[in-house]
């Protein structure tokens, strides 16, 4: 599994920018163009978003609600 995420980049912008390697990956795999989630589950910040993707649980469980990772319990949700 290869997960490519470019924080803050719109898919339409990367496609228009002339990115042949990303275009090839996109053509041969799965592309998600929608948001992961929105308020009220958590603010759309990098910390909660990536933590949700990598742990498989929502912010109410992994407790990351901003971009500060100190004191979080990721060990409770190992993969």
N, C-alpha and C. Protein backbone atom coordinates (compact mmCIF):
# COMPACT_ATOMS: atom_id res chain seq x y z
N UNK A 1 0.85 -1.16 0.00
CA UNK A 1 0.00 0.00 0.00
C UNK A 1 0.89 1.23 0.00
N UNK A 2 0.61 2.12 -0.90
CA UNK A 2 1.30 3.40 -0.95
C UNK A 2 0.27 4.49 -0.76
N UNK A 3 0.45 5.27 0.27
CA UNK A 3 -0.46 6.38 0.56
C UNK A 3 0.31 7.67 0.30
N UNK A 4 -0.17 8.45 -0.66
CA UNK A 4 0.44 9.73 -0.97
C UNK A 4 -0.53 10.82 -0.54
N UNK A 5 -0.08 11.67 0.32
CA UNK A 5 -0.90 12.79 0.77
C UNK A 5 -0.09 14.06 0.70
N UNK A 6 -0.67 15.05 0.10
CA UNK A 6 -0.01 16.35 0.01
C UNK A 6 -0.89 17.33 0.75
N UNK A 7 -0.48 17.64 1.95
CA UNK A 7 -1.28 18.49 2.83
C UNK A 7 -1.56 19.85 2.20
N UNK A 8 -2.82 20.19 2.11
CA UNK A 8 -3.21 21.50 1.62
C UNK A 8 -3.26 21.64 0.11
N UNK A 9 -2.98 20.58 -0.61
CA UNK A 9 -2.98 20.65 -2.08
C UNK A 9 -4.30 20.11 -2.63
N UNK A 10 -4.91 20.87 -3.49
CA UNK A 10 -6.12 20.41 -4.17
C UNK A 10 -5.74 19.48 -5.31
N UNK A 11 -6.49 18.41 -5.49
CA UNK A 11 -6.21 17.47 -6.56
C UNK A 11 -6.22 18.16 -7.92
N UNK A 12 -7.14 19.07 -8.13
CA UNK A 12 -7.22 19.77 -9.41
C UNK A 12 -5.96 20.59 -9.68
N UNK A 13 -5.36 21.12 -8.63
CA UNK A 13 -4.14 21.93 -8.80
C UNK A 13 -2.93 21.05 -9.14
N UNK A 14 -2.81 19.90 -8.48
CA UNK A 14 -1.67 19.03 -8.78
C UNK A 14 -1.81 18.44 -10.18
N UNK A 15 -3.02 18.13 -10.59
CA UNK A 15 -3.23 17.58 -11.94
C UNK A 15 -2.88 18.62 -13.00
N UNK A 16 -3.18 19.88 -12.74
CA UNK A 16 -2.90 20.96 -13.70
C UNK A 16 -1.44 21.40 -13.68
N UNK A 17 -0.69 20.98 -12.67
CA UNK A 17 0.69 21.46 -12.51
C UNK A 17 1.71 20.68 -13.33
N UNK A 18 1.29 19.65 -14.02
CA UNK A 18 2.25 18.85 -14.79
C UNK A 18 3.08 17.97 -13.87
N UNK A 19 2.44 17.02 -13.25
CA UNK A 19 3.10 16.09 -12.32
C UNK A 19 3.00 14.67 -12.88
N UNK A 20 3.87 14.32 -13.82
CA UNK A 20 3.72 13.03 -14.52
C UNK A 20 3.77 11.81 -13.61
N UNK A 21 4.60 11.82 -12.60
CA UNK A 21 4.67 10.64 -11.72
C UNK A 21 3.42 10.52 -10.84
N UNK A 22 2.97 11.64 -10.31
CA UNK A 22 1.71 11.60 -9.55
C UNK A 22 0.55 11.23 -10.46
N UNK A 23 0.56 11.74 -11.70
CA UNK A 23 -0.49 11.40 -12.65
C UNK A 23 -0.51 9.90 -12.93
N UNK A 24 0.68 9.29 -13.07
CA UNK A 24 0.77 7.85 -13.33
C UNK A 24 0.26 7.05 -12.13
N UNK A 25 0.64 7.47 -10.92
CA UNK A 25 0.13 6.79 -9.73
C UNK A 25 -1.38 6.91 -9.64
N UNK A 26 -1.88 8.09 -9.93
CA UNK A 26 -3.32 8.33 -9.87
C UNK A 26 -4.04 7.46 -10.90
N UNK A 27 -3.48 7.32 -12.09
CA UNK A 27 -4.12 6.54 -13.15
C UNK A 27 -4.15 5.04 -12.84
N UNK A 28 -3.18 4.57 -12.05
CA UNK A 28 -3.11 3.13 -11.81
C UNK A 28 -3.60 2.72 -10.42
N UNK A 29 -4.16 3.65 -9.68
CA UNK A 29 -4.60 3.34 -8.32
C UNK A 29 -5.95 3.92 -8.01
N UNK A 30 -6.13 4.22 -6.77
CA UNK A 30 -7.38 4.79 -6.29
C UNK A 30 -7.11 6.22 -5.84
N UNK A 31 -7.99 7.12 -6.22
CA UNK A 31 -7.84 8.52 -5.85
C UNK A 31 -9.08 8.96 -5.08
N UNK A 32 -8.85 9.59 -3.97
CA UNK A 32 -9.96 10.13 -3.17
C UNK A 32 -9.95 11.64 -3.30
N UNK A 33 -11.04 12.17 -3.78
CA UNK A 33 -11.12 13.62 -3.97
C UNK A 33 -11.98 14.30 -2.93
N UNK A 34 -12.56 13.54 -2.03
CA UNK A 34 -13.45 14.15 -1.03
C UNK A 34 -12.71 14.40 0.27
N UNK A 35 -13.31 15.19 1.12
CA UNK A 35 -12.75 15.45 2.44
C UNK A 35 -12.88 14.22 3.31
N UNK A 36 -11.96 14.07 4.23
CA UNK A 36 -12.01 12.96 5.17
C UNK A 36 -13.23 13.10 6.08
N UNK A 37 -13.41 14.25 6.63
CA UNK A 37 -14.55 14.54 7.50
C UNK A 37 -14.60 16.05 7.68
N UNK A 38 -15.60 16.50 8.34
CA UNK A 38 -15.70 17.93 8.60
C UNK A 38 -16.26 18.16 9.98
N UNK A 39 -16.36 19.40 10.37
CA UNK A 39 -16.94 19.74 11.67
C UNK A 39 -18.29 19.05 11.78
N UNK A 40 -18.74 18.60 12.89
CA UNK A 40 -18.22 18.78 14.23
C UNK A 40 -17.30 17.67 14.71
N UNK A 41 -16.97 16.68 13.86
CA UNK A 41 -16.10 15.59 14.32
C UNK A 41 -14.74 16.11 14.76
N UNK A 42 -14.17 17.00 14.00
CA UNK A 42 -12.88 17.60 14.33
C UNK A 42 -12.60 18.71 13.34
N UNK A 43 -11.75 19.65 13.72
CA UNK A 43 -11.38 20.67 12.75
C UNK A 43 -10.55 20.06 11.63
N UNK A 44 -10.61 20.63 10.47
CA UNK A 44 -9.85 20.09 9.34
C UNK A 44 -8.41 20.58 9.42
N UNK A 45 -7.66 19.97 10.31
CA UNK A 45 -6.25 20.25 10.51
C UNK A 45 -5.44 19.00 10.21
N UNK A 46 -4.16 19.18 9.96
CA UNK A 46 -3.29 18.05 9.63
C UNK A 46 -3.25 17.01 10.74
N UNK A 47 -3.09 17.43 11.98
CA UNK A 47 -2.96 16.49 13.08
C UNK A 47 -4.13 15.53 13.21
N UNK A 48 -5.36 16.03 13.33
CA UNK A 48 -6.50 15.11 13.43
C UNK A 48 -6.70 14.28 12.16
N UNK A 49 -6.49 14.88 11.01
CA UNK A 49 -6.70 14.16 9.75
C UNK A 49 -5.76 12.99 9.56
N UNK A 50 -4.46 13.26 9.70
CA UNK A 50 -3.48 12.18 9.52
C UNK A 50 -3.58 11.15 10.63
N UNK A 51 -3.87 11.58 11.84
CA UNK A 51 -4.03 10.63 12.94
C UNK A 51 -5.20 9.69 12.70
N UNK A 52 -6.28 10.21 12.14
CA UNK A 52 -7.44 9.37 11.80
C UNK A 52 -7.08 8.37 10.71
N UNK A 53 -6.40 8.83 9.67
CA UNK A 53 -6.01 7.93 8.58
C UNK A 53 -5.08 6.83 9.09
N UNK A 54 -4.09 7.20 9.89
CA UNK A 54 -3.07 6.23 10.31
C UNK A 54 -3.51 5.31 11.43
N UNK A 55 -4.47 5.72 12.26
CA UNK A 55 -4.92 4.84 13.34
C UNK A 55 -6.20 4.11 13.01
N UNK A 56 -6.99 4.66 12.10
CA UNK A 56 -8.26 4.04 11.76
C UNK A 56 -9.37 4.34 12.75
N UNK A 57 -9.14 5.29 13.64
CA UNK A 57 -10.19 5.69 14.59
C UNK A 57 -10.37 7.21 14.52
N UNK A 58 -11.55 7.66 14.92
CA UNK A 58 -11.88 9.08 14.88
C UNK A 58 -11.23 9.83 16.03
N UNK A 59 -11.19 11.16 15.94
CA UNK A 59 -10.57 11.97 16.99
C UNK A 59 -11.13 11.76 18.39
N UNK A 60 -12.38 11.35 18.52
CA UNK A 60 -12.90 11.11 19.86
C UNK A 60 -12.17 9.98 20.55
N UNK A 61 -11.49 9.10 19.79
CA UNK A 61 -10.72 8.01 20.38
C UNK A 61 -9.23 8.34 20.46
N UNK A 62 -8.63 8.83 19.35
CA UNK A 62 -7.18 9.10 19.40
C UNK A 62 -6.84 10.43 20.06
N UNK A 63 -7.83 11.27 20.28
CA UNK A 63 -7.71 12.51 21.05
C UNK A 63 -6.86 13.60 20.41
N UNK A 64 -6.51 13.47 19.14
CA UNK A 64 -5.77 14.53 18.47
C UNK A 64 -6.79 15.49 17.89
N UNK A 65 -6.84 16.70 18.42
CA UNK A 65 -7.83 17.68 17.98
C UNK A 65 -7.17 18.92 17.39
N UNK A 66 -5.83 18.92 17.37
CA UNK A 66 -5.10 20.05 16.80
C UNK A 66 -3.76 19.51 16.29
N UNK A 67 -2.80 20.37 16.08
CA UNK A 67 -1.50 19.93 15.56
C UNK A 67 -0.47 19.71 16.66
N UNK A 68 -0.90 19.54 17.89
CA UNK A 68 -0.03 19.25 19.02
C UNK A 68 -0.17 17.77 19.36
N UNK A 69 0.91 17.01 19.20
CA UNK A 69 0.85 15.56 19.39
C UNK A 69 1.31 15.10 20.77
N UNK A 70 1.64 16.02 21.67
CA UNK A 70 2.13 15.60 22.97
C UNK A 70 0.99 15.03 23.82
N UNK A 71 1.32 13.97 24.56
CA UNK A 71 0.35 13.37 25.47
C UNK A 71 -0.71 12.52 24.82
N UNK A 72 -0.57 12.16 23.57
CA UNK A 72 -1.59 11.35 22.89
C UNK A 72 -1.30 9.88 23.10
N UNK A 73 -2.32 9.04 22.99
CA UNK A 73 -2.19 7.60 23.26
C UNK A 73 -2.35 6.78 22.00
N UNK A 74 -1.43 6.96 21.04
CA UNK A 74 -1.49 6.20 19.80
C UNK A 74 -1.24 4.71 20.04
N UNK A 75 -0.57 4.37 21.13
CA UNK A 75 -0.29 2.97 21.43
C UNK A 75 -1.56 2.17 21.70
N UNK A 76 -2.66 2.85 21.96
CA UNK A 76 -3.93 2.14 22.19
C UNK A 76 -4.55 1.63 20.90
N UNK A 77 -4.10 2.14 19.76
CA UNK A 77 -4.68 1.77 18.46
C UNK A 77 -3.59 1.33 17.50
N UNK A 78 -2.84 0.28 17.85
CA UNK A 78 -1.77 -0.18 16.95
C UNK A 78 -2.35 -0.87 15.73
N UNK A 79 -1.58 -0.88 14.68
CA UNK A 79 -2.02 -1.56 13.46
C UNK A 79 -1.13 -2.75 13.21
